[in-house]
């Protein structure tokens, strides 16, 4: 069966799923902000993916489904796990040891900017246009504003932390393009989510055991345990079901737009529940990133252009 073409313009239901996904992933920055106060990065990420994988596997069983088998499928699962879980999650958790969760979410909002470039190079149906290129340039200007001139004056830990989150965004961009293959392979979103999180667990659990030796760490408090549960059940298991469903329908570039919406919920969670504050330049940078993403999406500029300069009907020929 040949899969239907990727939708260039998302439907109302796709946008609804995108908003729900942004809230779910925005909450992950809150959960991480709580967990990093007591646990090291690898232990947090390994706990997240292992609990998430167990949850998704139980859901599969309840629905009477099974994980697909075969070397090609599991090679793809491990590739997706590395790009979509191992690299970005470790970098984001490490970065949040040194920067606020709201700022981390804003930097993560560069994911669709990277995705536009990656998709242009690696796909045939998500090509870069002049308008999208303008959006990328405006978005990267926003990143520069957020990081600020301090990057050229000093090299405190906040700068490497911001760079780590940007590197995570780039990894997510590659993951979005890489994940398109599961649709072509005929693997449903739930099985794809379970497979890639299971593969990530097989990589991260041994690393956490070797590096962090979690059995030697103090027992985490109840609120940290609850944060880990939220990360695993809501921000991993449930989120990836939504993510792969949207990826199959709307493509890497469209689904990457979720990271524009994530900072809104992440900032609200951080300010209301963690007592965090953001500087004016961070908000200015986010505004520039938002402008870049509006250009990348393309619909609002087209509507405005049509309203300001409506096309005149061609004159009818006389006969």
Protein backbone atom coordinates (compact mmCIF):
# COMPACT_ATOMS: atom_id res chain seq x y z
CA UNK A 1 0.00 0.00 0.00
CA UNK A 2 1.43 3.38 -1.03
CA UNK A 3 1.12 5.96 1.78
CA UNK A 4 -0.83 9.13 1.04
CA UNK A 5 1.25 12.25 0.32
CA UNK A 6 2.51 14.45 3.13
CA UNK A 7 0.08 17.32 3.83
CA UNK A 8 1.81 20.64 3.16
CA UNK A 9 -0.95 22.51 5.07
CA UNK A 10 -2.18 21.10 8.36
CA UNK A 11 -5.87 20.54 9.07
CA UNK A 12 -7.71 21.84 12.13
CA UNK A 13 -7.37 18.45 13.83
CA UNK A 14 -3.62 18.44 13.14
CA UNK A 15 -3.28 21.88 14.73
CA UNK A 16 -5.28 20.67 17.74
CA UNK A 17 -2.92 17.73 18.18
CA UNK A 18 0.04 20.08 17.76
CA UNK A 19 -1.23 22.34 20.56
CA UNK A 20 -1.80 19.37 22.88
CA UNK A 21 1.69 18.09 22.07
CA UNK A 22 3.20 21.50 22.83
CA UNK A 23 1.58 21.54 26.28
CA UNK A 24 2.73 17.99 26.99
CA UNK A 25 6.31 18.71 25.93
CA UNK A 26 6.27 22.12 27.58
CA UNK A 27 5.56 20.29 30.83
CA UNK A 28 8.69 18.19 30.31
CA UNK A 29 10.86 21.26 30.97
CA UNK A 30 9.03 21.70 34.28
CA UNK A 31 9.53 18.05 35.21
CA UNK A 32 13.23 18.23 34.29
CA UNK A 33 13.61 21.47 36.24
CA UNK A 34 12.39 19.60 39.34
CA UNK A 35 14.38 16.40 38.75
CA UNK A 36 17.80 18.00 38.09
CA UNK A 37 17.88 19.32 41.65
CA UNK A 38 18.42 15.80 42.98
CA UNK A 39 19.40 13.49 40.12
CA UNK A 40 22.18 13.47 37.46
CA UNK A 41 21.27 13.80 33.75
CA UNK A 42 21.77 10.20 32.60
CA UNK A 43 19.70 8.81 35.46
CA UNK A 44 16.84 11.21 34.63
CA UNK A 45 16.85 10.40 30.93
CA UNK A 46 17.26 6.63 31.44
CA UNK A 47 14.38 6.60 33.92
CA UNK A 48 12.26 8.60 31.50
CA UNK A 49 12.71 6.32 28.50
CA UNK A 50 12.60 3.05 30.44
CA UNK A 51 9.33 3.89 32.18
CA UNK A 52 7.99 5.31 28.92
CA UNK A 53 8.93 2.14 27.01
CA UNK A 54 7.26 -0.08 29.61
CA UNK A 55 4.09 2.02 29.43
CA UNK A 56 3.96 1.94 25.62
CA UNK A 57 4.58 -1.82 25.60
CA UNK A 58 1.65 -2.37 27.96
CA UNK A 59 -0.56 -0.20 25.73
CA UNK A 60 0.49 -2.29 22.72
CA UNK A 61 -0.41 -5.50 24.53
CA UNK A 62 -3.78 -4.13 25.65
CA UNK A 63 -4.55 -3.26 22.02
CA UNK A 64 -3.51 -6.72 20.85
CA UNK A 65 -0.50 -5.39 18.92
CA UNK A 66 3.15 -6.43 18.95
CA UNK A 67 6.43 -4.73 18.22
CA UNK A 68 7.61 -5.41 14.65
CA UNK A 69 10.62 -7.64 14.11
CA UNK A 70 13.46 -7.64 11.65
CA UNK A 71 16.94 -6.18 11.42
CA UNK A 72 15.92 -3.29 9.14
CA UNK A 73 13.12 -2.17 11.45
CA UNK A 74 15.21 -2.31 14.61
CA UNK A 75 18.15 -0.58 12.94
CA UNK A 76 15.72 2.23 12.16
CA UNK A 77 14.40 2.18 15.76
CA UNK A 78 17.91 2.52 17.16
CA UNK A 79 18.75 5.31 14.72
CA UNK A 80 15.58 7.16 15.72
CA UNK A 81 16.24 6.51 19.38
CA UNK A 82 19.71 8.04 19.18
CA UNK A 83 18.57 11.12 17.26
CA UNK A 84 15.25 11.67 19.05
CA UNK A 85 16.04 10.55 22.61
CA UNK A 86 19.63 9.80 23.54
CA UNK A 87 21.41 12.86 22.14
CA UNK A 88 18.80 15.61 22.66
CA UNK A 89 17.45 14.46 26.02
CA UNK A 90 20.89 14.17 27.61
CA UNK A 91 21.92 17.57 26.24
CA UNK A 92 18.72 19.29 27.40
CA UNK A 93 18.84 17.79 30.90
CA UNK A 94 22.51 18.75 31.25
CA UNK A 95 21.75 22.23 29.95
CA UNK A 96 18.95 22.71 32.45
CA UNK A 97 21.45 22.30 35.25
CA UNK A 98 22.72 25.76 34.29
CA UNK A 99 19.84 27.66 32.60
CA UNK A 100 16.14 28.20 33.35
CA UNK A 101 13.57 25.81 31.92
CA UNK A 102 11.89 28.69 30.04
CA UNK A 103 15.12 29.66 28.30
CA UNK A 104 15.82 26.01 27.45
CA UNK A 105 12.40 25.74 25.85
CA UNK A 106 12.97 28.92 23.82
CA UNK A 107 16.28 27.61 22.49
CA UNK A 108 14.54 24.34 21.72
CA UNK A 109 12.14 26.38 19.58
CA UNK A 110 14.89 26.59 16.94
CA UNK A 111 14.11 22.97 16.01
CA UNK A 112 11.88 23.86 13.01
CA UNK A 113 14.52 26.31 11.78
CA UNK A 114 17.04 23.49 11.66
CA UNK A 115 14.37 21.14 10.26
CA UNK A 116 13.76 23.40 7.27
CA UNK A 117 17.43 23.18 6.32
CA UNK A 118 17.77 19.45 7.01
CA UNK A 119 14.55 18.60 5.16
CA UNK A 120 15.65 20.65 2.14
CA UNK A 121 18.86 18.65 1.86
CA UNK A 122 17.49 15.19 2.67
CA UNK A 123 13.94 15.17 1.20
CA UNK A 124 12.27 15.90 -2.13
CA UNK A 125 8.88 17.15 -0.94
CA UNK A 126 9.89 19.60 1.83
CA UNK A 127 12.10 21.96 -0.15
CA UNK A 128 13.50 25.31 0.98
CA UNK A 129 11.93 28.40 -0.62
CA UNK A 130 13.05 32.02 -0.44
CA UNK A 131 10.37 32.74 2.13
CA UNK A 132 11.44 29.79 4.26
CA UNK A 133 15.08 30.85 3.96
CA UNK A 134 14.07 34.31 5.22
CA UNK A 135 12.31 32.62 8.12
CA UNK A 136 15.45 30.65 8.98
CA UNK A 137 17.59 33.81 8.96
CA UNK A 138 15.13 35.73 11.15
CA UNK A 139 14.92 32.77 13.52
CA UNK A 140 18.68 32.47 13.90
CA UNK A 141 18.81 36.21 14.55
CA UNK A 142 16.45 35.51 17.44
CA UNK A 143 18.85 32.89 18.79
CA UNK A 144 21.70 35.38 18.63
CA UNK A 145 19.63 37.97 20.52
CA UNK A 146 18.78 35.44 23.23
CA UNK A 147 22.36 34.32 23.77
CA UNK A 148 23.53 37.95 23.79
CA UNK A 149 26.88 39.70 23.55
CA UNK A 150 28.07 37.85 26.65
CA UNK A 151 28.90 34.92 24.41
CA UNK A 152 31.75 36.99 22.96
CA UNK A 153 32.92 38.41 26.29
CA UNK A 154 32.94 35.48 28.69
CA UNK A 155 32.51 31.74 28.64
CA UNK A 156 30.49 30.94 31.73
CA UNK A 157 28.57 27.70 32.10
CA UNK A 158 25.37 29.31 30.81
CA UNK A 159 26.84 29.66 27.32
CA UNK A 160 27.82 25.97 26.91
CA UNK A 161 24.43 25.05 28.36
CA UNK A 162 22.65 27.14 25.72
CA UNK A 163 24.82 25.61 23.00
CA UNK A 164 23.93 22.14 24.30
CA UNK A 165 20.20 22.86 23.96
CA UNK A 166 20.76 24.21 20.44
CA UNK A 167 22.63 21.01 19.56
CA UNK A 168 19.66 19.07 20.91
CA UNK A 169 17.37 21.07 18.61
CA UNK A 170 19.55 20.14 15.63
CA UNK A 171 19.35 16.46 16.62
CA UNK A 172 15.55 16.72 16.82
CA UNK A 173 15.57 18.18 13.30
CA UNK A 174 17.45 15.18 11.94
CA UNK A 175 15.09 12.90 13.90
CA UNK A 176 12.03 14.50 12.31
CA UNK A 177 13.34 13.77 8.83
CA UNK A 178 14.66 10.31 9.76
CA UNK A 179 11.31 9.34 11.31
CA UNK A 180 9.46 9.76 8.00
CA UNK A 181 10.70 6.29 6.99
CA UNK A 182 8.41 4.51 9.46
CA UNK A 183 5.36 5.72 7.55
CA UNK A 184 6.80 4.28 4.34
CA UNK A 185 7.58 1.02 6.17
CA UNK A 186 3.92 0.73 7.19
CA UNK A 187 4.61 0.83 10.95
CA UNK A 188 1.77 2.47 12.94
CA UNK A 189 2.57 5.46 15.19
CA UNK A 190 2.07 3.52 18.46
CA UNK A 191 4.49 0.77 17.43
CA UNK A 192 6.99 3.35 16.18
CA UNK A 193 6.83 5.22 19.49
CA UNK A 194 7.28 2.01 21.49
CA UNK A 195 10.10 0.74 19.30
CA UNK A 196 12.23 3.88 19.34
CA UNK A 197 11.81 4.40 23.12
CA UNK A 198 12.69 0.72 23.72
CA UNK A 199 15.84 1.12 21.61
CA UNK A 200 16.73 4.28 23.55
CA UNK A 201 16.32 2.40 26.82
CA UNK A 202 18.74 -0.30 25.66
CA UNK A 203 21.37 2.42 25.11
CA UNK A 204 20.73 4.74 28.06
CA UNK A 205 20.15 2.26 30.89
CA UNK A 206 23.65 0.69 30.72
CA UNK A 207 25.22 4.17 30.38
CA UNK A 208 23.40 5.41 33.48
CA UNK A 209 24.43 2.32 35.41
CA UNK A 210 28.10 2.80 34.51
CA UNK A 211 28.36 6.59 34.83
CA UNK A 212 25.88 7.54 37.57
CA UNK A 213 25.67 4.30 39.58
CA UNK A 214 22.09 5.22 40.56
CA UNK A 215 21.95 2.65 43.38
CA UNK A 216 24.54 4.77 45.22
CA UNK A 217 22.50 7.99 44.94
CA UNK A 218 20.27 9.28 47.76
CA UNK A 219 16.63 8.22 47.47
CA UNK A 220 14.81 10.93 45.50
CA UNK A 221 12.05 12.88 47.21
CA UNK A 222 8.38 12.30 46.43
CA UNK A 223 8.10 15.37 44.18
CA UNK A 224 11.12 14.25 42.15
CA UNK A 225 9.65 10.77 41.79
CA UNK A 226 6.40 12.34 40.60
CA UNK A 227 8.35 14.50 38.13
CA UNK A 228 10.00 11.38 36.70
CA UNK A 229 6.60 9.72 36.40
CA UNK A 230 5.27 12.77 34.55
CA UNK A 231 8.26 12.74 32.21
CA UNK A 232 7.79 9.06 31.41
CA UNK A 233 4.01 8.73 31.19
CA UNK A 234 2.94 12.11 29.83
CA UNK A 235 5.95 13.74 28.16
CA UNK A 236 7.32 10.52 26.63
CA UNK A 237 4.75 7.73 26.16
CA UNK A 238 1.71 9.88 25.38
CA UNK A 239 3.73 12.57 23.59
CA UNK A 240 5.41 10.22 21.14
CA UNK A 241 2.11 8.65 20.13
CA UNK A 242 0.95 12.14 19.13
CA UNK A 243 4.32 13.01 17.56
CA UNK A 244 4.51 10.04 15.19
CA UNK A 245 0.85 10.40 14.22
CA UNK A 246 1.47 14.03 13.26
CA UNK A 247 4.76 13.23 11.55
CA UNK A 248 3.06 10.66 9.32
CA UNK A 249 0.31 13.10 8.32
CA UNK A 250 1.98 16.51 8.21
CA UNK A 251 5.69 15.93 7.63
CA UNK A 252 8.85 16.91 9.49
CA UNK A 253 8.68 20.66 8.81
CA UNK A 254 5.09 21.06 10.01
CA UNK A 255 5.42 18.89 13.09
CA UNK A 256 8.60 20.78 13.99
CA UNK A 257 6.47 23.88 14.51
CA UNK A 258 5.42 22.41 17.87
CA UNK A 259 8.58 23.83 19.39
CA UNK A 260 7.34 27.36 18.71
CA UNK A 261 4.39 26.65 21.00
CA UNK A 262 6.34 24.77 23.68
CA UNK A 263 8.00 27.89 25.23
CA UNK A 264 4.60 29.39 26.03
CA UNK A 265 3.58 26.54 28.33
CA UNK A 266 7.15 25.96 29.55
CA UNK A 267 7.56 29.62 30.55
CA UNK A 268 4.20 29.66 32.32
CA UNK A 269 5.03 26.45 34.19
CA UNK A 270 8.49 27.74 35.13
CA UNK A 271 7.29 31.16 36.32
CA UNK A 272 4.22 29.89 38.18
CA UNK A 273 5.66 26.74 39.73
CA UNK A 274 9.46 27.14 39.81
CA UNK A 275 9.77 30.87 40.50
CA UNK A 276 11.92 31.46 37.40
CA UNK A 277 12.37 34.76 35.57
CA UNK A 278 13.40 35.60 32.01
CA UNK A 279 15.25 38.63 30.72
CA UNK A 280 13.84 41.00 28.12
CA UNK A 281 16.32 39.82 25.49
CA UNK A 282 15.02 36.26 25.87
CA UNK A 283 11.50 37.42 25.07
CA UNK A 284 12.78 39.55 22.17
CA UNK A 285 14.61 36.54 20.82
CA UNK A 286 11.49 34.40 21.08
CA UNK A 287 9.53 37.07 19.18
CA UNK A 288 12.07 36.94 16.35
CA UNK A 289 11.91 33.14 16.30
CA UNK A 290 8.12 33.38 16.13
CA UNK A 291 8.41 35.78 13.18
CA UNK A 292 10.76 33.36 11.45
CA UNK A 293 8.34 30.48 11.94
CA UNK A 294 5.44 32.54 10.58
CA UNK A 295 7.49 33.07 7.43
CA UNK A 296 8.33 29.37 7.27
CA UNK A 297 4.67 28.38 7.64
CA UNK A 298 3.83 30.83 4.83
CA UNK A 299 0.07 31.15 5.20
CA UNK A 300 -0.17 34.43 7.13
CA UNK A 301 2.19 36.30 4.75
CA UNK A 302 0.18 34.97 1.80
CA UNK A 303 -3.10 36.14 3.32
CA UNK A 304 -1.67 39.60 4.08
CA UNK A 305 -0.18 39.91 0.60
CA UNK A 306 -3.49 38.98 -0.98
CA UNK A 307 -5.34 41.50 1.21
CA UNK A 308 -2.91 44.34 0.46
CA UNK A 309 -2.32 43.60 -3.19
CA UNK A 310 -5.32 41.67 -4.54
CA UNK A 311 -4.89 40.22 -7.98
CA UNK A 312 -6.96 41.84 -10.66
CA UNK A 313 -8.85 39.49 -12.95
CA UNK A 314 -7.32 39.15 -16.38
CA UNK A 315 -9.17 41.19 -19.05
CA UNK A 316 -11.53 39.17 -21.18
CA UNK A 317 -10.66 38.95 -24.86
CA UNK A 318 -13.09 40.48 -27.30
CA UNK A 319 -14.40 38.41 -30.15
